Amino acid sequence: MEEIKLTVEGMSCSHCRKAVEEALKGIAGVEKVQVDLEKKEVVVTGTAAREKLAEAIEEAGYEVVG
């Protein structure tokens, strides 16, 4: 299992958190998703590729900056 941290701009409320969580949980290999709105950070545990995670977040309308 790997932990991937992504910095995401544009998340500010529980609706944002849910949108990002749902986008990521639909990806094969994702075991766990933690969203920290204050830090603008998403931590994903699993075997999914970082690129796939970033794509899903961006398709949900948020910008991955790190």
PDB file of N, CA and C in Angstrom:
ATOM      1  N   MET A   1       0.841  -1.192   0.000  1.00  0.00           N
ATOM      2  CA  MET A   1       0.000   0.000   0.000  1.00  0.00           C
ATOM      3  C   MET A   1       0.878   1.243   0.000  1.00  0.00           C
ATOM      4  N   GLU A   2       0.469   2.195  -0.761  1.00  0.00           N
ATOM      5  CA  GLU A   2       1.235   3.428  -0.889  1.00  0.00           C
ATOM      6  C   GLU A   2       0.352   4.607  -0.483  1.00  0.00           C
ATOM      7  N   GLU A   3       0.955   5.624   0.103  1.00  0.00           N
ATOM      8  CA  GLU A   3       0.249   6.860   0.428  1.00  0.00           C
ATOM      9  C   GLU A   3       0.698   7.940  -0.534  1.00  0.00           C
ATOM     10  N   ILE A   4      -0.257   8.539  -1.213  1.00  0.00           N
ATOM     11  CA  ILE A   4       0.045   9.618  -2.153  1.00  0.00           C
ATOM     12  C   ILE A   4      -0.619  10.887  -1.638  1.00  0.00           C
ATOM     13  N   LYS A   5       0.182  11.954  -1.477  1.00  0.00           N
ATOM     14  CA  LYS A   5      -0.346  13.241  -1.028  1.00  0.00           C
ATOM     15  C   LYS A   5      -0.437  14.180  -2.216  1.00  0.00           C
ATOM     16  N   LEU A   6      -1.584  14.828  -2.345  1.00  0.00           N
ATOM     17  CA  LEU A   6      -1.798  15.794  -3.414  1.00  0.00           C
ATOM     18  C   LEU A   6      -2.278  17.105  -2.801  1.00  0.00           C
ATOM     19  N   THR A   7      -1.752  18.220  -3.263  1.00  0.00           N
ATOM     20  CA  THR A   7      -2.226  19.522  -2.830  1.00  0.00           C
ATOM     21  C   THR A   7      -3.245  19.981  -3.863  1.00  0.00           C
ATOM     22  N   VAL A   8      -4.436  20.348  -3.386  1.00  0.00           N
ATOM     23  CA  VAL A   8      -5.543  20.652  -4.289  1.00  0.00           C
ATOM     24  C   VAL A   8      -6.113  22.040  -3.976  1.00  0.00           C
ATOM     25  N   GLU A   9      -6.162  22.891  -4.989  1.00  0.00           N
ATOM     26  CA  GLU A   9      -6.744  24.227  -4.851  1.00  0.00           C
ATOM     27  C   GLU A   9      -8.235  24.165  -5.158  1.00  0.00           C
ATOM     28  N   GLY A  10      -8.991  25.016  -4.477  1.00  0.00           N
ATOM     29  CA  GLY A  10     -10.410  25.147  -4.793  1.00  0.00           C
ATOM     30  C   GLY A  10     -11.340  24.424  -3.840  1.00  0.00           C
ATOM     31  N   MET A  11     -10.819  23.622  -2.934  1.00  0.00           N
ATOM     32  CA  MET A  11     -11.666  22.919  -1.966  1.00  0.00           C
ATOM     33  C   MET A  11     -11.886  23.828  -0.762  1.00  0.00           C
ATOM     34  N   SER A  12     -13.154  24.037  -0.381  1.00  0.00           N
ATOM     35  CA  SER A  12     -13.405  24.938   0.743  1.00  0.00           C
ATOM     36  C   SER A  12     -14.523  24.493   1.675  1.00  0.00           C
ATOM     37  N   CYS A  13     -15.287  23.472   1.292  1.00  0.00           N
ATOM     38  CA  CYS A  13     -16.438  23.095   2.116  1.00  0.00           C
ATOM     39  C   CYS A  13     -16.681  21.587   2.056  1.00  0.00           C
ATOM     40  N   SER A  14     -17.676  21.139   2.806  1.00  0.00           N
ATOM     41  CA  SER A  14     -17.961  19.707   2.841  1.00  0.00           C
ATOM     42  C   SER A  14     -18.433  19.190   1.480  1.00  0.00           C
ATOM     43  N   HIS A  15     -19.058  20.041   0.680  1.00  0.00           N
ATOM     44  CA  HIS A  15     -19.464  19.644  -0.668  1.00  0.00           C
ATOM     45  C   HIS A  15     -18.225  19.338  -1.514  1.00  0.00           C
ATOM     46  N   CYS A  16     -17.204  20.190  -1.394  1.00  0.00           N
ATOM     47  CA  CYS A  16     -15.942  19.989  -2.113  1.00  0.00           C
ATOM     48  C   CYS A  16     -15.298  18.673  -1.680  1.00  0.00           C
ATOM     49  N   ARG A  17     -15.263  18.463  -0.365  1.00  0.00           N
ATOM     50  CA  ARG A  17     -14.675  17.234   0.181  1.00  0.00           C
ATOM     51  C   ARG A  17     -15.375  16.005  -0.416  1.00  0.00           C
ATOM     52  N   LYS A  18     -16.702  16.023  -0.421  1.00  0.00           N
ATOM     53  CA  LYS A  18     -17.465  14.882  -0.925  1.00  0.00           C
ATOM     54  C   LYS A  18     -17.215  14.661  -2.420  1.00  0.00           C
ATOM     55  N   ALA A  19     -17.160  15.737  -3.184  1.00  0.00           N
ATOM     56  CA  ALA A  19     -16.929  15.624  -4.630  1.00  0.00           C
ATOM     57  C   ALA A  19     -15.579  14.987  -4.924  1.00  0.00           C
ATOM     58  N   VAL A  20     -14.545  15.414  -4.185  1.00  0.00           N
ATOM     59  CA  VAL A  20     -13.202  14.869  -4.386  1.00  0.00           C
ATOM     60  C   VAL A  20     -13.154  13.410  -3.921  1.00  0.00           C
ATOM     61  N   GLU A  21     -13.739  13.110  -2.771  1.00  0.00           N
ATOM     62  CA  GLU A  21     -13.751  11.733  -2.266  1.00  0.00           C
ATOM     63  C   GLU A  21     -14.443  10.799  -3.252  1.00  0.00           C
ATOM     64  N   GLU A  22     -15.610  11.211  -3.757  1.00  0.00           N
ATOM     65  CA  GLU A  22     -16.348  10.361  -4.694  1.00  0.00           C
ATOM     66  C   GLU A  22     -15.583  10.155  -5.994  1.00  0.00           C
ATOM     67  N   ALA A  23     -14.936  11.206  -6.485  1.00  0.00           N
ATOM     68  CA  ALA A  23     -14.155  11.095  -7.721  1.00  0.00           C
ATOM     69  C   ALA A  23     -13.024  10.084  -7.544  1.00  0.00           C
ATOM     70  N   LEU A  24     -12.363  10.118  -6.382  1.00  0.00           N
ATOM     71  CA  LEU A  24     -11.221   9.231  -6.150  1.00  0.00           C
ATOM     72  C   LEU A  24     -11.629   7.803  -5.815  1.00  0.00           C
ATOM     73  N   LYS A  25     -12.718   7.645  -5.088  1.00  0.00           N
ATOM     74  CA  LYS A  25     -13.148   6.298  -4.694  1.00  0.00           C
ATOM     75  C   LYS A  25     -13.605   5.464  -5.886  1.00  0.00           C
ATOM     76  N   GLY A  26     -13.879   6.125  -7.003  1.00  0.00           N
ATOM     77  CA  GLY A  26     -14.281   5.409  -8.209  1.00  0.00           C
ATOM     78  C   GLY A  26     -13.108   4.833  -8.992  1.00  0.00           C
ATOM     79  N   ILE A  27     -11.895   5.079  -8.544  1.00  0.00           N
ATOM     80  CA  ILE A  27     -10.700   4.621  -9.261  1.00  0.00           C
ATOM     81  C   ILE A  27     -10.240   3.276  -8.694  1.00  0.00           C
ATOM     82  N   ALA A  28      -9.935   2.355  -9.587  1.00  0.00           N
ATOM     83  CA  ALA A  28      -9.429   1.046  -9.160  1.00  0.00           C
ATOM     84  C   ALA A  28      -8.114   1.222  -8.406  1.00  0.00           C
ATOM     85  N   GLY A  29      -7.978   0.526  -7.289  1.00  0.00           N
ATOM     86  CA  GLY A  29      -6.747   0.576  -6.516  1.00  0.00           C
ATOM     87  C   GLY A  29      -6.786   1.557  -5.357  1.00  0.00           C
ATOM     88  N   VAL A  30      -7.850   2.370  -5.270  1.00  0.00           N
ATOM     89  CA  VAL A  30      -7.955   3.331  -4.166  1.00  0.00           C
ATOM     90  C   VAL A  30      -8.609   2.626  -2.973  1.00  0.00           C
ATOM     91  N   GLU A  31      -7.881   2.591  -1.853  1.00  0.00           N
ATOM     92  CA  GLU A  31      -8.378   1.947  -0.638  1.00  0.00           C
ATOM     93  C   GLU A  31      -9.012   2.957   0.308  1.00  0.00           C
ATOM     94  N   LYS A  32      -8.351   4.108   0.471  1.00  0.00           N
ATOM     95  CA  LYS A  32      -8.787   5.088   1.464  1.00  0.00           C
ATOM     96  C   LYS A  32      -8.480   6.494   0.966  1.00  0.00           C
ATOM     97  N   VAL A  33      -9.395   7.433   1.242  1.00  0.00           N
ATOM     98  CA  VAL A  33      -9.208   8.828   0.846  1.00  0.00           C
ATOM     99  C   VAL A  33      -9.424   9.702   2.075  1.00  0.00           C
ATOM    100  N   GLN A  34      -8.461  10.601   2.344  1.00  0.00           N
ATOM    101  CA  GLN A  34      -8.590  11.564   3.431  1.00  0.00           C
ATOM    102  C   GLN A  34      -8.427  12.958   2.840  1.00  0.00           C
ATOM    103  N   VAL A  35      -9.399  13.828   3.108  1.00  0.00           N
ATOM    104  CA  VAL A  35      -9.352  15.197   2.596  1.00  0.00           C
ATOM    105  C   VAL A  35      -9.222  16.145   3.778  1.00  0.00           C
ATOM    106  N   ASP A  36      -8.207  17.003   3.745  1.00  0.00           N
ATOM    107  CA  ASP A  36      -8.004  18.016   4.771  1.00  0.00           C
ATOM    108  C   ASP A  36      -8.204  19.373   4.106  1.00  0.00           C
ATOM    109  N   LEU A  37      -9.369  19.993   4.373  1.00  0.00           N
ATOM    110  CA  LEU A  37      -9.693  21.261   3.723  1.00  0.00           C
ATOM    111  C   LEU A  37      -8.758  22.386   4.159  1.00  0.00           C
ATOM    112  N   GLU A  38      -8.364  22.410   5.428  1.00  0.00           N
ATOM    113  CA  GLU A  38      -7.485  23.471   5.921  1.00  0.00           C
ATOM    114  C   GLU A  38      -6.124  23.456   5.240  1.00  0.00           C
ATOM    115  N   LYS A  39      -5.559  22.257   5.092  1.00  0.00           N
ATOM    116  CA  LYS A  39      -4.238  22.125   4.469  1.00  0.00           C
ATOM    117  C   LYS A  39      -4.323  22.065   2.949  1.00  0.00           C
ATOM    118  N   LYS A  40      -5.549  21.980   2.418  1.00  0.00           N
ATOM    119  CA  LYS A  40      -5.766  21.796   0.971  1.00  0.00           C
ATOM    120  C   LYS A  40      -5.052  20.539   0.496  1.00  0.00           C
ATOM    121  N   GLU A  41      -5.179  19.480   1.290  1.00  0.00           N
ATOM    122  CA  GLU A  41      -4.426  18.259   1.022  1.00  0.00           C
ATOM    123  C   GLU A  41      -5.347  17.052   0.923  1.00  0.00           C
ATOM    124  N   VAL A  42      -5.021  16.179  -0.015  1.00  0.00           N
ATOM    125  CA  VAL A  42      -5.726  14.916  -0.175  1.00  0.00           C
ATOM    126  C   VAL A  42      -4.685  13.815  -0.038  1.00  0.00           C
ATOM    127  N   VAL A  43      -4.965  12.842   0.838  1.00  0.00           N
ATOM    128  CA  VAL A  43      -4.069  11.703   1.007  1.00  0.00           C
ATOM    129  C   VAL A  43      -4.831  10.462   0.562  1.00  0.00           C
ATOM    130  N   VAL A  44      -4.263   9.754  -0.402  1.00  0.00           N
ATOM    131  CA  VAL A  44      -4.892   8.557  -0.944  1.00  0.00           C
ATOM    132  C   VAL A  44      -4.010   7.356  -0.611  1.00  0.00           C
ATOM    133  N   THR A  45      -4.630   6.334  -0.036  1.00  0.00           N
ATOM    134  CA  THR A  45      -3.924   5.086   0.263  1.00  0.00           C
ATOM    135  C   THR A  45      -4.397   4.040  -0.737  1.00  0.00           C
ATOM    136  N   GLY A  46      -3.450   3.339  -1.342  1.00  0.00           N
ATOM    137  CA  GLY A  46      -3.806   2.307  -2.308  1.00  0.00           C
ATOM    138  C   GLY A  46      -2.708   2.101  -3.329  1.00  0.00           C
ATOM    139  N   THR A  47      -3.110   1.582  -4.479  1.00  0.00           N
ATOM    140  CA  THR A  47      -2.132   1.250  -5.517  1.00  0.00           C
ATOM    141  C   THR A  47      -2.373   2.023  -6.819  1.00  0.00           C
ATOM    142  N   ALA A  48      -3.301   2.973  -6.797  1.00  0.00           N
ATOM    143  CA  ALA A  48      -3.609   3.750  -8.008  1.00  0.00           C
ATOM    144  C   ALA A  48      -2.454   4.691  -8.348  1.00  0.00           C
ATOM    145  N   ALA A  49      -2.285   4.965  -9.636  1.00  0.00           N
ATOM    146  CA  ALA A  49      -1.226   5.866 -10.102  1.00  0.00           C
ATOM    147  C   ALA A  49      -1.570   7.314  -9.778  1.00  0.00           C
ATOM    148  N   ARG A  50      -0.562   8.076  -9.395  1.00  0.00           N
ATOM    149  CA  ARG A  50      -0.720   9.496  -9.058  1.00  0.00           C
ATOM    150  C   ARG A  50      -1.402  10.269 -10.194  1.00  0.00           C
ATOM    151  N   GLU A  51      -1.032   9.970 -11.432  1.00  0.00           N
ATOM    152  CA  GLU A  51      -1.592  10.665 -12.586  1.00  0.00           C
ATOM    153  C   GLU A  51      -3.101  10.449 -12.679  1.00  0.00           C
ATOM    154  N   LYS A  52      -3.539   9.221 -12.426  1.00  0.00           N
ATOM    155  CA  LYS A  52      -4.974   8.900 -12.475  1.00  0.00           C
ATOM    156  C   LYS A  52      -5.728   9.679 -11.406  1.00  0.00           C
ATOM    157  N   LEU A  53      -5.131   9.776 -10.218  1.00  0.00           N
ATOM    158  CA  LEU A  53      -5.762  10.505  -9.117  1.00  0.00           C
ATOM    159  C   LEU A  53      -5.905  11.979  -9.467  1.00  0.00           C
ATOM    160  N   ALA A  54      -4.830  12.560  -9.996  1.00  0.00           N
ATOM    161  CA  ALA A  54      -4.843  13.975 -10.374  1.00  0.00           C
ATOM    162  C   ALA A  54      -5.889  14.236 -11.461  1.00  0.00           C
ATOM    163  N   GLU A  55      -5.986  13.344 -12.439  1.00  0.00           N
ATOM    164  CA  GLU A  55      -6.971  13.486 -13.512  1.00  0.00           C
ATOM    165  C   GLU A  55      -8.383  13.506 -12.946  1.00  0.00           C
ATOM    166  N   ALA A  56      -8.671  12.590 -12.025  1.00  0.00           N
ATOM    167  CA  ALA A  56     -10.017  12.490 -11.448  1.00  0.00           C
ATOM    168  C   ALA A  56     -10.367  13.747 -10.664  1.00  0.00           C
ATOM    169  N   ILE A  57      -9.410  14.283  -9.926  1.00  0.00           N
ATOM    170  CA  ILE A  57      -9.646  15.508  -9.147  1.00  0.00           C
ATOM    171  C   ILE A  57      -9.911  16.678 -10.092  1.00  0.00           C
ATOM    172  N   GLU A  58      -9.136  16.767 -11.153  1.00  0.00           N
ATOM    173  CA  GLU A  58      -9.311  17.865 -12.108  1.00  0.00           C
ATOM    174  C   GLU A  58     -10.635  17.747 -12.864  1.00  0.00           C
ATOM    175  N   GLU A  59     -11.041  16.516 -13.162  1.00  0.00           N
ATOM    176  CA  GLU A  59     -12.343  16.317 -13.822  1.00  0.00           C
ATOM    177  C   GLU A  59     -13.487  16.718 -12.895  1.00  0.00           C
ATOM    178  N   ALA A  60     -13.265  16.629 -11.576  1.00  0.00           N
ATOM    179  CA  ALA A  60     -14.279  17.028 -10.612  1.00  0.00           C
ATOM    180  C   ALA A  60     -14.316  18.555 -10.432  1.00  0.00           C
ATOM    181  N   GLY A  61     -13.367  19.262 -11.063  1.00  0.00           N
ATOM    182  CA  GLY A  61     -13.404  20.713 -11.055  1.00  0.00           C
ATOM    183  C   GLY A  61     -12.414  21.387 -10.120  1.00  0.00           C
ATOM    184  N   TYR A  62     -11.412  20.656  -9.656  1.00  0.00           N
ATOM    185  CA  TYR A  62     -10.417  21.220  -8.739  1.00  0.00           C
ATOM    186  C   TYR A  62      -9.038  21.131  -9.368  1.00  0.00           C
ATOM    187  N   GLU A  63      -8.122  21.960  -8.902  1.00  0.00           N
ATOM    188  CA  GLU A  63      -6.794  22.029  -9.498  1.00  0.00           C
ATOM    189  C   GLU A  63      -5.752  21.379  -8.576  1.00  0.00           C
ATOM    190  N   VAL A  64      -5.026  20.405  -9.119  1.00  0.00           N
ATOM    191  CA  VAL A  64      -3.943  19.767  -8.385  1.00  0.00           C
ATOM    192  C   VAL A  64      -2.691  20.604  -8.611  1.00  0.00           C
ATOM    193  N   VAL A  65      -2.119  21.117  -7.515  1.00  0.00           N
ATOM    194  CA  VAL A  65      -0.952  22.000  -7.633  1.00  0.00           C
ATOM    195  C   VAL A  65       0.316  21.394  -7.048  1.00  0.00           C
ATOM    196  N   GLY A  66       0.199  20.221  -6.467  1.00  0.00           N
ATOM    197  CA  GLY A  66       1.394  19.600  -5.891  1.00  0.00           C
ATOM    198  C   GLY A  66       1.137  18.219  -5.401  1.00  0.00           C
TER     199      GLY A  66
END
